[in-house]
Amino acid sequence: MQFIAEEAEAQFPAILKALGSEQLVLLGHSVGGAMALTIAALHGAHCEAVVSLSAQAFVEPRTLEAIRATREKFAHAEQFQKIARWHGEKASWVLRAWTAVWLSPQFQSWTLDSQLAEIRCPVLVIHGDQDEYGGVEFPRRIASKLGGPCESAILENCGHVPHRERTEEVLRLARDFLGPYTQRRRVSD
């Protein structure tokens, strides 16, 4: 997925500069989780920790089936309005770009493996056991390939959007994981 690398290489430095910060905690959901992990691999000196929600780590049949089903679902105008609410005029482009990349034959061998090996900061991986876009092998793969410490949580009876489906539990996990980093910040400020 070239666009993930492009976000990490081109967009992240601009965001870092705009924020005026040298150290960040990254949080990403789904493909955004893969982006956060890629950023941590490429810009580790600026990354204190990563929280990854439902990130894909490779291409699996379950993911492709769900993407095809989503594409069919959003072909109906009433369903398409749901995505348009979030993406406005770019909704059609977002849907086409997302499905085209994942379903392309060239993309079938994509993995995060090489990026994961470069990550040294602590990572929290959260994934629902009922995630329609990817099984629990994703968080297991992420945890096993990381070059640094990792905590992971597989949430029972939870789908692809744990921060909506299990908000309080996700907040508690993130707070417990990030506690040492926020405490250190308070002491040094």
C-alpha atoms as a PDB file:
ATOM      1  CA  MET A   1       0.000   0.000   0.000  1.00  0.00           C
ATOM      2  CA  GLN A   2       1.982   2.878  -1.296  1.00  0.00           C
ATOM      3  CA  PHE A   3      -0.329   5.450   0.269  1.00  0.00           C
ATOM      4  CA  ILE A   4       0.524   4.229   3.777  1.00  0.00           C
ATOM      5  CA  ALA A   5       4.225   4.788   3.154  1.00  0.00           C
ATOM      6  CA  GLU A   6       3.465   8.163   1.548  1.00  0.00           C
ATOM      7  CA  GLU A   7       1.539   9.270   4.639  1.00  0.00           C
ATOM      8  CA  ALA A   8       4.425   8.245   6.858  1.00  0.00           C
ATOM      9  CA  GLU A   9       7.143   9.746   4.675  1.00  0.00           C
ATOM     10  CA  ALA A  10       5.514  12.950   3.414  1.00  0.00           C
ATOM     11  CA  GLN A  11       2.575  13.882   5.609  1.00  0.00           C
ATOM     12  CA  PHE A  12       3.815  13.005   9.085  1.00  0.00           C
ATOM     13  CA  PRO A  13       6.818  15.373   9.061  1.00  0.00           C
ATOM     14  CA  ALA A  14       4.466  18.219   8.088  1.00  0.00           C
ATOM     15  CA  ILE A  15       2.084  17.304  10.920  1.00  0.00           C
ATOM     16  CA  LEU A  16       4.962  17.101  13.392  1.00  0.00           C
ATOM     17  CA  LYS A  17       6.159  20.536  12.325  1.00  0.00           C
ATOM     18  CA  ALA A  18       2.665  22.057  12.467  1.00  0.00           C
ATOM     19  CA  LEU A  19       2.124  20.703  15.974  1.00  0.00           C
ATOM     20  CA  GLY A  20       5.484  22.045  17.104  1.00  0.00           C
ATOM     21  CA  SER A  21       6.169  18.843  18.989  1.00  0.00           C
ATOM     22  CA  GLU A  22       9.091  16.473  18.879  1.00  0.00           C
ATOM     23  CA  GLN A  23       7.396  13.573  20.703  1.00  0.00           C
ATOM     24  CA  LEU A  24       3.982  12.107  19.992  1.00  0.00           C
ATOM     25  CA  VAL A  25       1.795   9.176  20.887  1.00  0.00           C
ATOM     26  CA  LEU A  26       0.187   7.832  17.735  1.00  0.00           C
ATOM     27  CA  LEU A  27      -3.281   6.318  17.551  1.00  0.00           C
ATOM     28  CA  GLY A  28      -4.764   4.777  14.426  1.00  0.00           C
ATOM     29  CA  HIS A  29      -7.809   2.711  13.490  1.00  0.00           C
ATOM     30  CA  SER A  30      -7.913   0.117  10.704  1.00  0.00           C
ATOM     31  CA  VAL A  31      -5.684   1.334   7.846  1.00  0.00           C
ATOM     32  CA  GLY A  32      -4.919   4.285  10.131  1.00  0.00           C
ATOM     33  CA  GLY A  33      -3.486   1.742  12.578  1.00  0.00           C
ATOM     34  CA  ALA A  34      -1.164   0.480   9.846  1.00  0.00           C
ATOM     35  CA  MET A  35      -0.231   4.108   9.134  1.00  0.00           C
ATOM     36  CA  ALA A  36       0.533   4.768  12.809  1.00  0.00           C
ATOM     37  CA  LEU A  37       2.736   1.673  12.954  1.00  0.00           C
ATOM     38  CA  THR A  38       4.514   2.652   9.737  1.00  0.00           C
ATOM     39  CA  ILE A  39       5.137   6.139  11.096  1.00  0.00           C
ATOM     40  CA  ALA A  40       6.604   4.617  14.271  1.00  0.00           C
ATOM     41  CA  ALA A  41       8.905   2.470  12.119  1.00  0.00           C
ATOM     42  CA  LEU A  42      10.118   5.394  10.012  1.00  0.00           C
ATOM     43  CA  HIS A  43      10.119   8.148  12.658  1.00  0.00           C
ATOM     44  CA  GLY A  44      10.838   6.237  15.852  1.00  0.00           C
ATOM     45  CA  ALA A  45      12.727   9.112  17.442  1.00  0.00           C
ATOM     46  CA  HIS A  46       9.481  11.105  17.526  1.00  0.00           C
ATOM     47  CA  CYS A  47       7.224   8.319  18.734  1.00  0.00           C
ATOM     48  CA  GLU A  48       6.727   7.598  22.418  1.00  0.00           C
ATOM     49  CA  ALA A  49       4.040   4.968  21.923  1.00  0.00           C
ATOM     50  CA  VAL A  50       1.417   3.661  19.490  1.00  0.00           C
ATOM     51  CA  VAL A  51      -2.166   2.598  20.100  1.00  0.00           C
ATOM     52  CA  SER A  52      -3.429   0.495  17.203  1.00  0.00           C
ATOM     53  CA  LEU A  53      -7.140  -0.274  16.846  1.00  0.00           C
ATOM     54  CA  SER A  54      -8.198  -3.013  14.401  1.00  0.00           C
ATOM     55  CA  ALA A  55      -5.119  -2.603  12.204  1.00  0.00           C
ATOM     56  CA  GLN A  56      -4.611  -4.951   9.303  1.00  0.00           C
ATOM     57  CA  ALA A  57      -1.174  -6.572   9.130  1.00  0.00           C
ATOM     58  CA  PHE A  58      -1.474  -8.508   5.871  1.00  0.00           C
ATOM     59  CA  VAL A  59      -4.136  -9.435   3.329  1.00  0.00           C
ATOM     60  CA  GLU A  60      -6.435 -12.275   4.312  1.00  0.00           C
ATOM     61  CA  PRO A  61      -9.528 -13.698   2.600  1.00  0.00           C
ATOM     62  CA  ARG A  62     -11.816 -12.492   5.406  1.00  0.00           C
ATOM     63  CA  THR A  63     -10.692  -8.905   4.774  1.00  0.00           C
ATOM     64  CA  LEU A  64     -11.285  -9.157   1.046  1.00  0.00           C
ATOM     65  CA  GLU A  65     -14.743 -10.703   1.536  1.00  0.00           C
ATOM     66  CA  ALA A  66     -15.751  -7.880   3.875  1.00  0.00           C
ATOM     67  CA  ILE A  67     -14.444  -5.232   1.466  1.00  0.00           C
ATOM     68  CA  ARG A  68     -16.435  -6.755  -1.399  1.00  0.00           C
ATOM     69  CA  ALA A  69     -19.557  -6.849   0.792  1.00  0.00           C
ATOM     70  CA  THR A  70     -19.019  -3.225   1.840  1.00  0.00           C
ATOM     71  CA  ARG A  71     -18.595  -2.151  -1.772  1.00  0.00           C
ATOM     72  CA  GLU A  72     -21.909  -3.842  -2.633  1.00  0.00           C
ATOM     73  CA  LYS A  73     -23.634  -2.330   0.394  1.00  0.00           C
ATOM     74  CA  PHE A  74     -22.551   1.214  -0.490  1.00  0.00           C
ATOM     75  CA  ALA A  75     -23.743   0.770  -4.070  1.00  0.00           C
ATOM     76  CA  HIS A  76     -27.220   1.527  -2.658  1.00  0.00           C
ATOM     77  CA  ALA A  77     -27.960   5.257  -2.307  1.00  0.00           C
ATOM     78  CA  GLU A  78     -29.382   5.076   1.223  1.00  0.00           C
ATOM     79  CA  GLN A  79     -26.302   3.231   2.468  1.00  0.00           C
ATOM     80  CA  PHE A  80     -23.932   5.479   0.521  1.00  0.00           C
ATOM     81  CA  GLN A  81     -25.277   8.474   2.465  1.00  0.00           C
ATOM     82  CA  LYS A  82     -23.686   7.010   5.599  1.00  0.00           C
ATOM     83  CA  ILE A  83     -20.198   7.223   4.112  1.00  0.00           C
ATOM     84  CA  ALA A  84     -20.948  10.564   2.465  1.00  0.00           C
ATOM     85  CA  ARG A  85     -21.765  11.994   5.884  1.00  0.00           C
ATOM     86  CA  TRP A  86     -18.127  11.445   6.895  1.00  0.00           C
ATOM     87  CA  HIS A  87     -16.338  12.055   3.588  1.00  0.00           C
ATOM     88  CA  GLY A  88     -18.563  14.616   1.866  1.00  0.00           C
ATOM     89  CA  GLU A  89     -17.893  15.188  -1.822  1.00  0.00           C
ATOM     90  CA  LYS A  90     -14.935  12.778  -1.721  1.00  0.00           C
ATOM     91  CA  ALA A  91     -17.057   9.819  -0.586  1.00  0.00           C
ATOM     92  CA  SER A  92     -17.152   8.118  -3.994  1.00  0.00           C
ATOM     93  CA  TRP A  93     -13.424   8.569  -4.448  1.00  0.00           C
ATOM     94  CA  VAL A  94     -12.671   7.264  -0.923  1.00  0.00           C
ATOM     95  CA  LEU A  95     -14.779   4.153  -1.471  1.00  0.00           C
ATOM     96  CA  ARG A  96     -13.313   3.444  -4.926  1.00  0.00           C
ATOM     97  CA  ALA A  97      -9.733   4.061  -3.830  1.00  0.00           C
ATOM     98  CA  TRP A  98     -10.058   1.897  -0.725  1.00  0.00           C
ATOM     99  CA  THR A  99     -11.662  -1.049  -2.507  1.00  0.00           C
ATOM    100  CA  ALA A 100      -9.440  -0.798  -5.589  1.00  0.00           C
ATOM    101  CA  VAL A 101      -6.233  -0.964  -3.558  1.00  0.00           C
ATOM    102  CA  TRP A 102      -7.280  -3.868  -1.347  1.00  0.00           C
ATOM    103  CA  LEU A 103      -8.806  -5.897  -4.182  1.00  0.00           C
ATOM    104  CA  SER A 104      -5.975  -5.374  -6.681  1.00  0.00           C
ATOM    105  CA  PRO A 105      -3.843  -8.429  -7.492  1.00  0.00           C
ATOM    106  CA  GLN A 106      -0.655  -6.391  -6.882  1.00  0.00           C
ATOM    107  CA  PHE A 107      -1.681  -5.799  -3.285  1.00  0.00           C
ATOM    108  CA  GLN A 108      -2.254  -9.422  -2.282  1.00  0.00           C
ATOM    109  CA  SER A 109       1.286  -9.887  -0.947  1.00  0.00           C
ATOM    110  CA  TRP A 110       1.291  -6.729   1.218  1.00  0.00           C
ATOM    111  CA  THR A 111       2.294  -7.065   4.886  1.00  0.00           C
ATOM    112  CA  LEU A 112       3.459  -4.775   7.677  1.00  0.00           C
ATOM    113  CA  ASP A 113       6.189  -7.247   8.675  1.00  0.00           C
ATOM    114  CA  SER A 114       9.242  -5.215   7.662  1.00  0.00           C
ATOM    115  CA  GLN A 115       7.885  -2.056   9.309  1.00  0.00           C
ATOM    116  CA  LEU A 116       6.970  -3.874  12.527  1.00  0.00           C
ATOM    117  CA  ALA A 117      10.545  -5.098  12.992  1.00  0.00           C
ATOM    118  CA  GLU A 118      11.740  -1.468  13.024  1.00  0.00           C
ATOM    119  CA  ILE A 119       9.414  -0.273  15.806  1.00  0.00           C
ATOM    120  CA  ARG A 120      11.099   0.196  19.177  1.00  0.00           C
ATOM    121  CA  CYS A 121       8.497   2.201  21.101  1.00  0.00           C
ATOM    122  CA  PRO A 122       5.784   0.484  23.156  1.00  0.00           C
ATOM    123  CA  VAL A 123       2.671  -0.543  21.209  1.00  0.00           C
ATOM    124  CA  LEU A 124      -0.851  -1.324  22.403  1.00  0.00           C
ATOM    125  CA  VAL A 125      -2.783  -3.468  19.923  1.00  0.00           C
ATOM    126  CA  ILE A 126      -6.573  -3.635  20.364  1.00  0.00           C
ATOM    127  CA  HIS A 127      -8.706  -5.858  18.150  1.00  0.00           C
ATOM    128  CA  GLY A 128     -12.228  -7.259  18.280  1.00  0.00           C
ATOM    129  CA  ASP A 129     -12.626 -11.022  18.043  1.00  0.00           C
ATOM    130  CA  GLN A 130     -15.577 -10.494  15.672  1.00  0.00           C
ATOM    131  CA  ASP A 131     -13.835  -7.951  13.418  1.00  0.00           C
ATOM    132  CA  GLU A 132     -15.380  -8.421   9.999  1.00  0.00           C
ATOM    133  CA  TYR A 133     -12.307  -6.924   8.278  1.00  0.00           C
ATOM    134  CA  GLY A 134      -9.749  -9.224   9.833  1.00  0.00           C
ATOM    135  CA  GLY A 135      -9.268 -12.004  12.297  1.00  0.00           C
ATOM    136  CA  VAL A 136      -7.291 -12.134  15.510  1.00  0.00           C
ATOM    137  CA  GLU A 137      -4.252 -13.247  13.538  1.00  0.00           C
ATOM    138  CA  PHE A 138      -3.688  -9.534  12.742  1.00  0.00           C
ATOM    139  CA  PRO A 139      -2.962  -8.441  16.330  1.00  0.00           C
ATOM    140  CA  ARG A 140      -1.043 -11.648  16.998  1.00  0.00           C
ATOM    141  CA  ARG A 141       1.150 -11.012  13.954  1.00  0.00           C
ATOM    142  CA  ILE A 142       1.718  -7.391  14.954  1.00  0.00           C
ATOM    143  CA  ALA A 143       2.694  -8.364  18.507  1.00  0.00           C
ATOM    144  CA  SER A 144       5.015 -11.153  17.374  1.00  0.00           C
ATOM    145  CA  LYS A 145       6.894  -9.072  14.778  1.00  0.00           C
ATOM    146  CA  LEU A 146       7.426  -5.862  16.765  1.00  0.00           C
ATOM    147  CA  GLY A 147      10.960  -4.781  17.562  1.00  0.00           C
ATOM    148  CA  GLY A 148       9.837  -3.303  20.891  1.00  0.00           C
ATOM    149  CA  PRO A 149       7.457  -3.977  23.779  1.00  0.00           C
ATOM    150  CA  CYS A 150       3.809  -4.737  23.106  1.00  0.00           C
ATOM    151  CA  GLU A 151       0.564  -5.169  24.961  1.00  0.00           C
ATOM    152  CA  SER A 152      -2.439  -6.568  23.183  1.00  0.00           C
ATOM    153  CA  ALA A 153      -6.111  -6.954  23.933  1.00  0.00           C
ATOM    154  CA  ILE A 154      -8.571  -9.072  21.983  1.00  0.00           C
ATOM    155  CA  LEU A 155     -12.022  -7.801  22.916  1.00  0.00           C
ATOM    156  CA  GLU A 156     -14.731 -10.453  23.020  1.00  0.00           C
ATOM    157  CA  ASN A 157     -17.940  -9.933  21.064  1.00  0.00           C
ATOM    158  CA  CYS A 158     -16.466  -6.875  19.390  1.00  0.00           C
ATOM    159  CA  GLY A 159     -16.262  -5.990  15.708  1.00  0.00           C
ATOM    160  CA  HIS A 160     -14.131  -3.628  13.644  1.00  0.00           C
ATOM    161  CA  VAL A 161     -14.791  -0.426  15.591  1.00  0.00           C
ATOM    162  CA  PRO A 162     -13.875  -1.144  19.230  1.00  0.00           C
ATOM    163  CA  HIS A 163     -13.734   2.554  20.144  1.00  0.00           C
ATOM    164  CA  ARG A 164     -17.465   2.778  19.344  1.00  0.00           C
ATOM    165  CA  GLU A 165     -18.528  -0.709  20.346  1.00  0.00           C
ATOM    166  CA  ARG A 166     -16.581  -0.877  23.627  1.00  0.00           C
ATOM    167  CA  THR A 167     -15.713   2.765  24.308  1.00  0.00           C
ATOM    168  CA  GLU A 168     -15.129   2.511  28.056  1.00  0.00           C
ATOM    169  CA  GLU A 169     -12.981  -0.594  27.758  1.00  0.00           C
ATOM    170  CA  VAL A 170     -10.843   0.946  24.999  1.00  0.00           C
ATOM    171  CA  LEU A 171     -10.412   4.128  27.038  1.00  0.00           C
ATOM    172  CA  ARG A 172      -9.404   2.120  30.109  1.00  0.00           C
ATOM    173  CA  LEU A 173      -6.890   0.054  28.118  1.00  0.00           C
ATOM    174  CA  ALA A 174      -5.381   3.163  26.540  1.00  0.00           C
ATOM    175  CA  ARG A 175      -5.272   5.042  29.858  1.00  0.00           C
ATOM    176  CA  ASP A 176      -3.566   2.123  31.633  1.00  0.00           C
ATOM    177  CA  PHE A 177      -1.090   1.657  28.780  1.00  0.00           C
ATOM    178  CA  LEU A 178      -0.275   5.348  28.379  1.00  0.00           C
ATOM    179  CA  GLY A 179      -0.208   6.114  32.101  1.00  0.00           C
ATOM    180  CA  PRO A 180       3.580   5.854  32.479  1.00  0.00           C
ATOM    181  CA  TYR A 181       4.126   8.212  29.531  1.00  0.00           C
ATOM    182  CA  THR A 182       1.654  10.826  30.727  1.00  0.00           C
ATOM    183  CA  GLN A 183       3.058  10.640  34.280  1.00  0.00           C
ATOM    184  CA  ARG A 184       6.581  11.136  32.965  1.00  0.00           C
ATOM    185  CA  ARG A 185       5.394  14.193  30.986  1.00  0.00           C
ATOM    186  CA  ARG A 186       3.776  15.749  34.067  1.00  0.00           C
ATOM    187  CA  VAL A 187       6.936  15.287  36.124  1.00  0.00           C
ATOM    188  CA  SER A 188       9.214  16.763  33.457  1.00  0.00           C
ATOM    189  CA  ASP A 189       6.950  19.714  32.514  1.00  0.00           C
END
